[in-house]
Amino acid sequence: MLSDGVVLTDLCSGEVRQDIFTVGNVPSAALATGSWIINDAGSENNNTIGTSVVAGTGGKYNLTAGAVKGVAAVSQQISFKSGNCASVPLAITVNPIPSLSLSDGVVLKHICAEEVRKDIFTLSNVAPAALTTDGWIIKDENSDYNTIGTSVDAGGADGKYTLKTGKITKDNTVPQQIRFKSGNCVSAPISITVMRPKASGSGPKATGNLCSGVVYKDVLEVSNTLPGALVSWLIRDIDNNSIGTSITEGSDGRYTLTAGIVAGRAVRQDIILKSGDCVSYTLLPITVSPIPSLSLSDGGVLN
C-alpha cells in the first residue's frame, strides 16, 4: 500500500520517492525473500524503463522511476510477491522530463538587458499538448522571483523559442535561470546573466567641472562589460559632441578623458558607456568650462 497522501500518476523520469510503499500481511522473514514485480501496463514481464523499488526506512520502501525517453509517458504496475502470492498491483505513470537546449552556436552567459534573441531555445521530450498548457519558469538566481521581467515566447522557425531579457534600471547584472515545466516535471536550467555596463569616476576630477582641453588621465573605470566585447563611448551635449570631448584607453583597465574645447561658456555633456551592443542605463554627467584668459591691459609692462 501507499503511504498517506502519496499519488503516483505524476512521477518524473528518474525521480526518487522515499518511503512511499508499505508491505502488509507478510511475515518478516518473507519480506527478505519476496520480490517486486514491475511491468509496463499491458505487459507481463517488461519493465522497459528500469523502474525499481528498494528498502527504505522504518520498514518502508523507496521507488526510483525509470528513465523515460521521448514525449510519451509510461504507465506501469507494481506489486509485491511472496511465495506464489502477489499483491494487487499499484498503478504508476512516469512522465518524461523536458529537455531545454540552446540552438547551435548560441552563447547566453552574458546578454544585454531588453535584448531579443530569436529562435535560440529548443524543447524536446514534451508532448505537443503540453507546449500550450504548461510553461516557462524564469527566476533570478537564488530567488523565487523574476524581478526584471525576462520572458520566453514561441519563435518563428522550427518550433524554437525566443528570449526577451528584462529591464534593468541600474547599471548592474542580474543572474537568472530558465526552465520549462511540463506537469510536475521540470527541465534542467539554462543560466543567463542579464546586464548593463557601468562607467564610474575613479578620481576627484572624474566628473563635475572639467577644464577646456585638459587631459584627465585614468579617471574612468568600467564594469559589467560583455566578455570580449569592444568598449566604446557616446558623448552628447545639446548638439551631439559639439566640443570634441574624447575618451581613450588609459592604464590598468582605466580610461583617459580629454575635455573638449570651449570658449565663453561652460558646456554640459553626458557620457554613455557601450559594451558591444549593451548600453549603460546611467548617464555620467560632466561640465567643461572655459579656461580663464589673462592678459595685460593696453600699455601694461611687467618688466
C-alpha atoms as a PDB file:
ATOM      1  CA  MET A   1       0.000   0.000   0.000  1.00  0.00           C
ATOM      2  CA  LEU A   2       0.982   3.636  -0.436  1.00  0.00           C
ATOM      3  CA  SER A   3       1.939   5.930   2.426  1.00  0.00           C
ATOM      4  CA  ASP A   4      -0.697   8.524   3.290  1.00  0.00           C
ATOM      5  CA  GLY A   5      -1.239  11.232   0.692  1.00  0.00           C
ATOM      6  CA  VAL A   6       1.013   9.698  -1.957  1.00  0.00           C
ATOM      7  CA  VAL A   7      -0.048   9.963  -5.622  1.00  0.00           C
ATOM      8  CA  LEU A   8       1.903   8.088  -8.256  1.00  0.00           C
ATOM      9  CA  THR A   9       0.482   9.373 -11.527  1.00  0.00           C
ATOM     10  CA  ASP A  10       2.788  12.412 -11.564  1.00  0.00           C
ATOM     11  CA  LEU A  11       6.210  10.792 -11.392  1.00  0.00           C
ATOM     12  CA  CYS A  12       9.070  12.245 -13.400  1.00  0.00           C
ATOM     13  CA  SER A  13      11.728  10.267 -15.213  1.00  0.00           C
ATOM     14  CA  GLY A  14      14.455   9.217 -12.764  1.00  0.00           C
ATOM     15  CA  GLU A  15      12.602  10.623  -9.747  1.00  0.00           C
ATOM     16  CA  VAL A  16      13.162   9.014  -6.327  1.00  0.00           C
ATOM     17  CA  ARG A  17      10.268   8.813  -3.866  1.00  0.00           C
ATOM     18  CA  GLN A  18      11.441   7.737  -0.440  1.00  0.00           C
ATOM     19  CA  ASP A  19       9.454   5.547   1.955  1.00  0.00           C
ATOM     20  CA  ILE A  20       6.265   5.532  -0.101  1.00  0.00           C
ATOM     21  CA  PHE A  21       5.450   1.789  -0.068  1.00  0.00           C
ATOM     22  CA  THR A  22       4.409  -0.337   2.904  1.00  0.00           C
ATOM     23  CA  VAL A  23       4.033  -4.119   2.618  1.00  0.00           C
ATOM     24  CA  GLY A  24       1.461  -5.792   4.906  1.00  0.00           C
ATOM     25  CA  ASN A  25       0.195  -9.325   5.521  1.00  0.00           C
ATOM     26  CA  VAL A  26       3.678 -10.745   5.001  1.00  0.00           C
ATOM     27  CA  PRO A  27       5.772 -12.341   7.789  1.00  0.00           C
ATOM     28  CA  SER A  28       9.023 -10.517   8.478  1.00  0.00           C
ATOM     29  CA  ALA A  29      11.107 -13.426   7.250  1.00  0.00           C
ATOM     30  CA  ALA A  30       9.192 -13.494   3.978  1.00  0.00           C
ATOM     31  CA  LEU A  31       9.879  -9.834   3.281  1.00  0.00           C
ATOM     32  CA  ALA A  32      13.534 -10.626   2.715  1.00  0.00           C
ATOM     33  CA  THR A  33      12.777 -13.400   0.242  1.00  0.00           C
ATOM     34  CA  GLY A  34       9.886 -11.688  -1.519  1.00  0.00           C
ATOM     35  CA  SER A  35      10.275  -9.786  -4.758  1.00  0.00           C
ATOM     36  CA  TRP A  36       8.908  -6.750  -6.560  1.00  0.00           C
ATOM     37  CA  ILE A  37       7.135  -7.189  -9.869  1.00  0.00           C
ATOM     38  CA  ILE A  38       7.276  -4.112 -12.086  1.00  0.00           C
ATOM     39  CA  ASN A  39       5.814  -4.250 -15.576  1.00  0.00           C
ATOM     40  CA  ASP A  40       4.715  -1.796 -18.209  1.00  0.00           C
ATOM     41  CA  ALA A  41       0.931  -1.599 -18.409  1.00  0.00           C
ATOM     42  CA  GLY A  42      -0.385  -4.376 -20.647  1.00  0.00           C
ATOM     43  CA  SER A  43       2.800  -6.414 -20.316  1.00  0.00           C
ATOM     44  CA  GLU A  44       3.607  -9.342 -18.043  1.00  0.00           C
ATOM     45  CA  ASN A  45       7.379  -9.200 -17.990  1.00  0.00           C
ATOM     46  CA  ASN A  46       8.611  -5.942 -19.457  1.00  0.00           C
ATOM     47  CA  ASN A  47       9.936  -3.097 -17.336  1.00  0.00           C
ATOM     48  CA  THR A  48      11.245  -1.171 -20.315  1.00  0.00           C
ATOM     49  CA  ILE A  49      12.348   1.938 -18.427  1.00  0.00           C
ATOM     50  CA  GLY A  50      14.049   0.296 -15.440  1.00  0.00           C
ATOM     51  CA  THR A  51      11.821   1.397 -12.567  1.00  0.00           C
ATOM     52  CA  SER A  52      12.983  -0.118  -9.258  1.00  0.00           C
ATOM     53  CA  VAL A  53      11.996  -0.481  -5.601  1.00  0.00           C
ATOM     54  CA  VAL A  54      14.456  -0.871  -2.702  1.00  0.00           C
ATOM     55  CA  ALA A  55      14.249  -0.904   1.077  1.00  0.00           C
ATOM     56  CA  GLY A  56      13.859   2.484   2.718  1.00  0.00           C
ATOM     57  CA  THR A  57      13.498   3.324   6.406  1.00  0.00           C
ATOM     58  CA  GLY A  58      11.133   2.089   9.085  1.00  0.00           C
ATOM     59  CA  GLY A  59      10.062  -0.937   7.071  1.00  0.00           C
ATOM     60  CA  LYS A  60       9.012   1.191   4.118  1.00  0.00           C
ATOM     61  CA  TYR A  61      10.303   1.070   0.528  1.00  0.00           C
ATOM     62  CA  ASN A  62      11.711   3.618  -1.920  1.00  0.00           C
ATOM     63  CA  LEU A  63      10.669   3.941  -5.548  1.00  0.00           C
ATOM     64  CA  THR A  64      13.031   5.084  -8.309  1.00  0.00           C
ATOM     65  CA  ALA A  65      11.139   5.871 -11.504  1.00  0.00           C
ATOM     66  CA  GLY A  66      12.738   4.622 -14.691  1.00  0.00           C
ATOM     67  CA  ALA A  67      14.218   6.703 -17.480  1.00  0.00           C
ATOM     68  CA  VAL A  68      11.605   7.816 -19.999  1.00  0.00           C
ATOM     69  CA  LYS A  69      12.774   8.943 -23.429  1.00  0.00           C
ATOM     70  CA  GLY A  70      10.656  10.773 -25.959  1.00  0.00           C
ATOM     71  CA  VAL A  71       7.399  12.610 -25.354  1.00  0.00           C
ATOM     72  CA  ALA A  72       5.141   9.753 -24.201  1.00  0.00           C
ATOM     73  CA  ALA A  73       4.554   8.925 -20.537  1.00  0.00           C
ATOM     74  CA  VAL A  74       4.954   5.286 -19.491  1.00  0.00           C
ATOM     75  CA  SER A  75       2.274   3.590 -17.374  1.00  0.00           C
ATOM     76  CA  GLN A  76       3.401   0.732 -15.147  1.00  0.00           C
ATOM     77  CA  GLN A  77       2.115  -1.596 -12.448  1.00  0.00           C
ATOM     78  CA  ILE A  78       3.948  -2.565  -9.280  1.00  0.00           C
ATOM     79  CA  SER A  79       3.159  -5.491  -6.973  1.00  0.00           C
ATOM     80  CA  PHE A  80       4.948  -7.400  -4.234  1.00  0.00           C
ATOM     81  CA  LYS A  81       5.211 -11.187  -4.480  1.00  0.00           C
ATOM     82  CA  SER A  82       5.711 -13.522  -1.512  1.00  0.00           C
ATOM     83  CA  GLY A  83       5.910 -17.173  -2.495  1.00  0.00           C
ATOM     84  CA  ASN A  84       3.233 -17.714  -5.112  1.00  0.00           C
ATOM     85  CA  CYS A  85       1.046 -14.868  -3.856  1.00  0.00           C
ATOM     86  CA  ALA A  86       1.233 -11.366  -5.318  1.00  0.00           C
ATOM     87  CA  SER A  87      -0.399  -8.179  -4.090  1.00  0.00           C
ATOM     88  CA  VAL A  88      -2.947  -6.250  -6.069  1.00  0.00           C
ATOM     89  CA  PRO A  89      -0.831  -4.024  -8.335  1.00  0.00           C
ATOM     90  CA  LEU A  90      -0.436  -0.291  -7.865  1.00  0.00           C
ATOM     91  CA  ALA A  91      -0.511   1.827 -10.999  1.00  0.00           C
ATOM     92  CA  ILE A  92       2.120   4.480 -11.660  1.00  0.00           C
ATOM     93  CA  THR A  93       2.747   6.856 -14.515  1.00  0.00           C
ATOM     94  CA  VAL A  94       6.278   8.039 -15.288  1.00  0.00           C
ATOM     95  CA  ASN A  95       6.495  11.235 -17.319  1.00  0.00           C
ATOM     96  CA  PRO A  96       9.431  12.470 -19.403  1.00  0.00           C
ATOM     97  CA  ILE A  97      11.488  15.390 -18.156  1.00  0.00           C
ATOM     98  CA  PRO A  98      11.512  18.273 -20.649  1.00  0.00           C
ATOM     99  CA  SER A  99      14.866  18.916 -22.277  1.00  0.00           C
ATOM    100  CA  LEU A 100      15.753  22.559 -22.880  1.00  0.00           C
ATOM    101  CA  SER A 101      18.756  23.324 -25.046  1.00  0.00           C
ATOM    102  CA  LEU A 102      20.325  26.195 -26.924  1.00  0.00           C
ATOM    103  CA  SER A 103      20.328  26.311 -30.690  1.00  0.00           C
ATOM    104  CA  ASP A 104      23.685  25.674 -32.353  1.00  0.00           C
ATOM    105  CA  GLY A 105      26.258  28.383 -31.763  1.00  0.00           C
ATOM    106  CA  VAL A 106      24.211  30.339 -29.202  1.00  0.00           C
ATOM    107  CA  VAL A 107      26.026  31.640 -26.118  1.00  0.00           C
ATOM    108  CA  LEU A 108      23.929  33.097 -23.312  1.00  0.00           C
ATOM    109  CA  LYS A 109      26.251  33.530 -20.376  1.00  0.00           C
ATOM    110  CA  HIS A 110      26.050  37.318 -20.692  1.00  0.00           C
ATOM    111  CA  ILE A 111      23.272  39.158 -22.504  1.00  0.00           C
ATOM    112  CA  CYS A 112      22.094  42.772 -22.621  1.00  0.00           C
ATOM    113  CA  ALA A 113      19.021  43.994 -20.790  1.00  0.00           C
ATOM    114  CA  GLU A 114      15.944  44.329 -23.042  1.00  0.00           C
ATOM    115  CA  GLU A 115      17.617  42.312 -25.778  1.00  0.00           C
ATOM    116  CA  VAL A 116      15.646  39.954 -28.045  1.00  0.00           C
ATOM    117  CA  ARG A 117      17.281  36.722 -29.177  1.00  0.00           C
ATOM    118  CA  LYS A 118      15.090  34.951 -31.712  1.00  0.00           C
ATOM    119  CA  ASP A 119      14.820  31.168 -32.026  1.00  0.00           C
ATOM    120  CA  ILE A 120      17.533  30.309 -29.504  1.00  0.00           C
ATOM    121  CA  PHE A 121      15.783  27.663 -27.370  1.00  0.00           C
ATOM    122  CA  THR A 122      14.798  24.168 -28.455  1.00  0.00           C
ATOM    123  CA  LEU A 123      12.468  21.940 -26.415  1.00  0.00           C
ATOM    124  CA  SER A 124      12.303  18.161 -26.572  1.00  0.00           C
ATOM    125  CA  ASN A 125      10.666  15.381 -24.529  1.00  0.00           C
ATOM    126  CA  VAL A 126       7.474  17.434 -24.336  1.00  0.00           C
ATOM    127  CA  ALA A 127       4.102  16.297 -25.671  1.00  0.00           C
ATOM    128  CA  PRO A 128       2.607  18.791 -28.169  1.00  0.00           C
ATOM    129  CA  ALA A 129      -0.367  19.474 -25.899  1.00  0.00           C
ATOM    130  CA  ALA A 130       1.948  20.438 -23.039  1.00  0.00           C
ATOM    131  CA  LEU A 131       3.500  23.191 -25.124  1.00  0.00           C
ATOM    132  CA  THR A 132       0.281  25.180 -24.841  1.00  0.00           C
ATOM    133  CA  THR A 133      -0.835  24.156 -21.339  1.00  0.00           C
ATOM    134  CA  ASP A 134       2.457  24.191 -19.458  1.00  0.00           C
ATOM    135  CA  GLY A 135       5.063  26.876 -19.322  1.00  0.00           C
ATOM    136  CA  TRP A 136       8.322  28.590 -18.585  1.00  0.00           C
ATOM    137  CA  ILE A 137       9.848  29.140 -15.175  1.00  0.00           C
ATOM    138  CA  ILE A 138      12.168  32.164 -15.069  1.00  0.00           C
ATOM    139  CA  LYS A 139      13.676  33.230 -11.774  1.00  0.00           C
ATOM    140  CA  ASP A 140      16.539  35.318 -10.522  1.00  0.00           C
ATOM    141  CA  GLU A 141      19.336  33.147  -9.188  1.00  0.00           C
ATOM    142  CA  ASN A 142      18.650  32.087  -5.568  1.00  0.00           C
ATOM    143  CA  SER A 143      15.201  33.673  -5.730  1.00  0.00           C
ATOM    144  CA  ASP A 144      11.599  32.714  -6.412  1.00  0.00           C
ATOM    145  CA  TYR A 145      11.008  35.835  -8.491  1.00  0.00           C
ATOM    146  CA  ASN A 146      11.700  37.166 -11.967  1.00  0.00           C
ATOM    147  CA  THR A 147      12.359  40.710 -10.833  1.00  0.00           C
ATOM    148  CA  ILE A 148      13.224  42.180 -14.242  1.00  0.00           C
ATOM    149  CA  GLY A 149      10.527  40.558 -16.390  1.00  0.00           C
ATOM    150  CA  THR A 150      12.552  38.301 -18.681  1.00  0.00           C
ATOM    151  CA  SER A 151      10.251  36.236 -20.932  1.00  0.00           C
ATOM    152  CA  VAL A 152      10.264  33.408 -23.482  1.00  0.00           C
ATOM    153  CA  ASP A 153       7.807  33.188 -26.371  1.00  0.00           C
ATOM    154  CA  ALA A 154       7.232  30.981 -29.363  1.00  0.00           C
ATOM    155  CA  GLY A 155       9.765  31.786 -32.053  1.00  0.00           C
ATOM    156  CA  GLY A 156       9.340  31.970 -35.758  1.00  0.00           C
ATOM    157  CA  ALA A 157      11.171  28.890 -37.009  1.00  0.00           C
ATOM    158  CA  ASP A 158      11.160  25.115 -36.493  1.00  0.00           C
ATOM    159  CA  GLY A 159       9.381  25.150 -33.138  1.00  0.00           C
ATOM    160  CA  LYS A 160      12.103  27.194 -31.485  1.00  0.00           C
ATOM    161  CA  TYR A 161      11.597  29.818 -28.806  1.00  0.00           C
ATOM    162  CA  THR A 162      12.647  33.439 -28.457  1.00  0.00           C
ATOM    163  CA  LEU A 163      14.167  35.080 -25.387  1.00  0.00           C
ATOM    164  CA  LYS A 164      13.499  38.683 -24.371  1.00  0.00           C
ATOM    165  CA  THR A 165      15.532  39.816 -21.410  1.00  0.00           C
ATOM    166  CA  GLY A 166      14.007  42.098 -18.819  1.00  0.00           C
ATOM    167  CA  LYS A 167      14.528  45.737 -17.976  1.00  0.00           C
ATOM    168  CA  ILE A 168      17.334  46.751 -15.632  1.00  0.00           C
ATOM    169  CA  THR A 169      17.114  50.280 -14.249  1.00  0.00           C
ATOM    170  CA  LYS A 170      20.578  50.243 -12.695  1.00  0.00           C
ATOM    171  CA  ASP A 171      23.977  49.572 -14.172  1.00  0.00           C
ATOM    172  CA  ASN A 172      24.347  46.091 -12.706  1.00  0.00           C
ATOM    173  CA  THR A 173      23.956  42.383 -13.501  1.00  0.00           C
ATOM    174  CA  VAL A 174      21.052  40.016 -12.761  1.00  0.00           C
ATOM    175  CA  PRO A 175      21.855  36.283 -12.958  1.00  0.00           C
ATOM    176  CA  GLN A 176      18.779  34.232 -13.878  1.00  0.00           C
ATOM    177  CA  GLN A 177      17.786  30.629 -14.574  1.00  0.00           C
ATOM    178  CA  ILE A 178      15.307  29.477 -17.215  1.00  0.00           C
ATOM    179  CA  ARG A 179      13.433  26.163 -17.119  1.00  0.00           C
ATOM    180  CA  PHE A 180      10.427  24.597 -18.842  1.00  0.00           C
ATOM    181  CA  LYS A 181       7.810  22.762 -16.769  1.00  0.00           C
ATOM    182  CA  SER A 182       5.525  20.039 -18.094  1.00  0.00           C
ATOM    183  CA  GLY A 183       3.140  18.738 -15.445  1.00  0.00           C
ATOM    184  CA  ASN A 184       5.337  18.243 -12.375  1.00  0.00           C
ATOM    185  CA  CYS A 185       8.471  17.634 -14.425  1.00  0.00           C
ATOM    186  CA  VAL A 186      10.941  20.469 -14.877  1.00  0.00           C
ATOM    187  CA  SER A 187      13.879  20.716 -17.247  1.00  0.00           C
ATOM    188  CA  ALA A 188      17.423  21.356 -16.112  1.00  0.00           C
ATOM    189  CA  PRO A 189      18.050  25.114 -16.002  1.00  0.00           C
ATOM    190  CA  ILE A 190      19.860  27.270 -18.502  1.00  0.00           C
ATOM    191  CA  SER A 191      21.710  30.080 -16.757  1.00  0.00           C
ATOM    192  CA  ILE A 192      21.968  33.594 -18.137  1.00  0.00           C
ATOM    193  CA  THR A 193      23.372  36.848 -16.807  1.00  0.00           C
ATOM    194  CA  VAL A 194      21.392  39.917 -17.845  1.00  0.00           C
ATOM    195  CA  MET A 195      23.493  43.046 -17.606  1.00  0.00           C
ATOM    196  CA  ARG A 196      24.063  46.699 -18.209  1.00  0.00           C
ATOM    197  CA  PRO A 197      27.627  48.043 -18.350  1.00  0.00           C
ATOM    198  CA  LYS A 198      28.683  50.607 -15.781  1.00  0.00           C
ATOM    199  CA  ALA A 199      31.010  53.592 -16.025  1.00  0.00           C
ATOM    200  CA  SER A 200      32.201  55.438 -12.950  1.00  0.00           C
ATOM    201  CA  GLY A 201      34.777  58.029 -11.969  1.00  0.00           C
ATOM    202  CA  SER A 202      37.938  56.894 -10.245  1.00  0.00           C
ATOM    203  CA  GLY A 203      39.250  60.232  -9.074  1.00  0.00           C
ATOM    204  CA  PRO A 204      38.192  63.687  -7.855  1.00  0.00           C
ATOM    205  CA  LYS A 205      38.244  65.090 -11.399  1.00  0.00           C
ATOM    206  CA  ALA A 206      36.246  62.238 -12.944  1.00  0.00           C
ATOM    207  CA  THR A 207      33.022  64.223 -13.017  1.00  0.00           C
ATOM    208  CA  GLY A 208      31.978  67.733 -12.229  1.00  0.00           C
ATOM    209  CA  ASN A 209      33.686  70.830 -13.569  1.00  0.00           C
ATOM    210  CA  LEU A 210      36.413  69.997 -16.063  1.00  0.00           C
ATOM    211  CA  CYS A 211      38.596  72.478 -17.857  1.00  0.00           C
ATOM    212  CA  SER A 212      38.656  73.053 -21.602  1.00  0.00           C
ATOM    213  CA  GLY A 213      41.262  70.940 -23.411  1.00  0.00           C
ATOM    214  CA  VAL A 214      42.691  69.348 -20.255  1.00  0.00           C
ATOM    215  CA  VAL A 215      43.634  65.648 -20.276  1.00  0.00           C
ATOM    216  CA  TYR A 216      42.376  63.715 -17.239  1.00  0.00           C
ATOM    217  CA  LYS A 217      44.384  60.528 -17.149  1.00  0.00           C
ATOM    218  CA  ASP A 218      42.836  57.245 -15.929  1.00  0.00           C
ATOM    219  CA  VAL A 219      39.744  58.896 -14.431  1.00  0.00           C
ATOM    220  CA  LEU A 220      37.090  56.483 -15.742  1.00  0.00           C
ATOM    221  CA  GLU A 221      36.522  52.885 -14.724  1.00  0.00           C
ATOM    222  CA  VAL A 222      34.199  50.336 -16.337  1.00  0.00           C
ATOM    223  CA  SER A 223      32.489  47.196 -15.014  1.00  0.00           C
ATOM    224  CA  ASN A 224      29.785  44.714 -16.074  1.00  0.00           C
ATOM    225  CA  THR A 225      31.166  44.622 -19.611  1.00  0.00           C
ATOM    226  CA  LEU A 226      30.474  41.799 -22.054  1.00  0.00           C
ATOM    227  CA  PRO A 227      33.432  39.388 -22.186  1.00  0.00           C
ATOM    228  CA  GLY A 228      35.468  40.063 -25.316  1.00  0.00           C
ATOM    229  CA  ALA A 229      33.236  42.926 -26.484  1.00  0.00           C
ATOM    230  CA  LEU A 230      34.540  46.287 -27.635  1.00  0.00           C
ATOM    231  CA  VAL A 231      34.165  49.163 -25.169  1.00  0.00           C
ATOM    232  CA  SER A 232      33.063  52.431 -26.766  1.00  0.00           C
ATOM    233  CA  TRP A 233      31.693  55.746 -25.597  1.00  0.00           C
ATOM    234  CA  LEU A 234      28.839  58.059 -26.567  1.00  0.00           C
ATOM    235  CA  ILE A 235      29.410  61.690 -25.599  1.00  0.00           C
ATOM    236  CA  ARG A 236      26.496  64.043 -26.056  1.00  0.00           C
ATOM    237  CA  ASP A 237      25.549  67.649 -25.439  1.00  0.00           C
ATOM    238  CA  ILE A 238      22.766  69.731 -26.937  1.00  0.00           C
ATOM    239  CA  ASP A 239      24.406  69.327 -30.353  1.00  0.00           C
ATOM    240  CA  ASN A 240      25.905  65.850 -30.170  1.00  0.00           C
ATOM    241  CA  ASN A 241      29.546  66.189 -29.066  1.00  0.00           C
ATOM    242  CA  SER A 242      29.944  69.722 -30.287  1.00  0.00           C
ATOM    243  CA  ILE A 243      33.157  70.466 -28.392  1.00  0.00           C
ATOM    244  CA  GLY A 244      35.066  67.282 -29.248  1.00  0.00           C
ATOM    245  CA  THR A 245      35.462  65.639 -25.837  1.00  0.00           C
ATOM    246  CA  SER A 246      37.108  62.226 -26.238  1.00  0.00           C
ATOM    247  CA  ILE A 247      37.851  59.107 -24.196  1.00  0.00           C
ATOM    248  CA  THR A 248      40.721  56.713 -24.880  1.00  0.00           C
ATOM    249  CA  GLU A 249      42.217  53.686 -23.189  1.00  0.00           C
ATOM    250  CA  GLY A 250      44.433  54.511 -20.252  1.00  0.00           C
ATOM    251  CA  SER A 251      46.331  52.188 -17.939  1.00  0.00           C
ATOM    252  CA  ASP A 252      45.278  49.313 -15.679  1.00  0.00           C
ATOM    253  CA  GLY A 253      41.896  48.990 -17.374  1.00  0.00           C
ATOM    254  CA  ARG A 254      41.005  52.644 -16.826  1.00  0.00           C
ATOM    255  CA  TYR A 255      40.172  55.271 -19.423  1.00  0.00           C
ATOM    256  CA  THR A 256      41.504  58.756 -20.042  1.00  0.00           C
ATOM    257  CA  LEU A 257      39.212  61.702 -20.766  1.00  0.00           C
ATOM    258  CA  THR A 258      40.280  64.718 -22.833  1.00  0.00           C
ATOM    259  CA  ALA A 259      37.870  67.592 -22.318  1.00  0.00           C
ATOM    260  CA  GLY A 260      36.679  69.369 -25.442  1.00  0.00           C
ATOM    261  CA  ILE A 261      37.467  72.952 -26.340  1.00  0.00           C
ATOM    262  CA  VAL A 262      35.050  75.591 -25.086  1.00  0.00           C
ATOM    263  CA  ALA A 263      35.145  79.366 -25.071  1.00  0.00           C
ATOM    264  CA  GLY A 264      32.848  81.908 -23.487  1.00  0.00           C
ATOM    265  CA  ARG A 265      30.507  79.465 -21.751  1.00  0.00           C
ATOM    266  CA  ALA A 266      30.501  76.095 -19.986  1.00  0.00           C
ATOM    267  CA  VAL A 267      29.116  73.065 -21.830  1.00  0.00           C
ATOM    268  CA  ARG A 268      27.333  70.230 -20.042  1.00  0.00           C
ATOM    269  CA  GLN A 269      27.746  66.758 -21.538  1.00  0.00           C
ATOM    270  CA  ASP A 270      26.580  63.216 -20.796  1.00  0.00           C
ATOM    271  CA  ILE A 271      28.801  60.191 -21.163  1.00  0.00           C
ATOM    272  CA  ILE A 272      27.256  56.811 -22.016  1.00  0.00           C
ATOM    273  CA  LEU A 273      29.215  53.560 -21.945  1.00  0.00           C
ATOM    274  CA  LYS A 274      28.691  50.861 -24.583  1.00  0.00           C
ATOM    275  CA  SER A 275      29.945  47.306 -24.313  1.00  0.00           C
ATOM    276  CA  GLY A 276      29.215  45.567 -27.590  1.00  0.00           C
ATOM    277  CA  ASP A 277      25.551  46.427 -28.115  1.00  0.00           C
ATOM    278  CA  CYS A 278      24.862  46.896 -24.396  1.00  0.00           C
ATOM    279  CA  VAL A 279      24.344  50.478 -23.255  1.00  0.00           C
ATOM    280  CA  SER A 280      24.657  51.787 -19.714  1.00  0.00           C
ATOM    281  CA  TYR A 281      21.440  52.983 -18.098  1.00  0.00           C
ATOM    282  CA  THR A 282      23.003  55.752 -16.027  1.00  0.00           C
ATOM    283  CA  LEU A 283      24.384  58.864 -17.706  1.00  0.00           C
ATOM    284  CA  LEU A 284      27.710  60.128 -16.406  1.00  0.00           C
ATOM    285  CA  PRO A 285      27.485  63.953 -16.444  1.00  0.00           C
ATOM    286  CA  ILE A 286      30.402  66.314 -16.922  1.00  0.00           C
ATOM    287  CA  THR A 287      30.656  70.067 -17.338  1.00  0.00           C
ATOM    288  CA  VAL A 288      33.505  71.511 -19.394  1.00  0.00           C
ATOM    289  CA  SER A 289      34.330  75.097 -18.508  1.00  0.00           C
ATOM    290  CA  PRO A 290      36.444  77.587 -20.442  1.00  0.00           C
ATOM    291  CA  ILE A 291      39.918  78.359 -19.168  1.00  0.00           C
ATOM    292  CA  PRO A 292      40.191  81.964 -17.981  1.00  0.00           C
ATOM    293  CA  SER A 293      42.235  84.232 -20.217  1.00  0.00           C
ATOM    294  CA  LEU A 294      44.624  86.581 -18.511  1.00  0.00           C
ATOM    295  CA  SER A 295      46.211  89.477 -20.458  1.00  0.00           C
ATOM    296  CA  LEU A 296      47.839  92.800 -19.848  1.00  0.00           C
ATOM    297  CA  SER A 297      45.879  95.968 -20.238  1.00  0.00           C
ATOM    298  CA  ASP A 298      46.874  98.208 -23.100  1.00  0.00           C
ATOM    299  CA  GLY A 299      50.276  99.668 -22.465  1.00  0.00           C
ATOM    300  CA  GLY A 300      50.892  97.443 -19.483  1.00  0.00           C
ATOM    301  CA  VAL A 301      54.515  96.410 -18.913  1.00  0.00           C
ATOM    302  CA  LEU A 302      55.704  93.714 -16.486  1.00  0.00           C
ATOM    303  CA  ASN A 303      59.473  94.071 -16.624  1.00  0.00           C
END
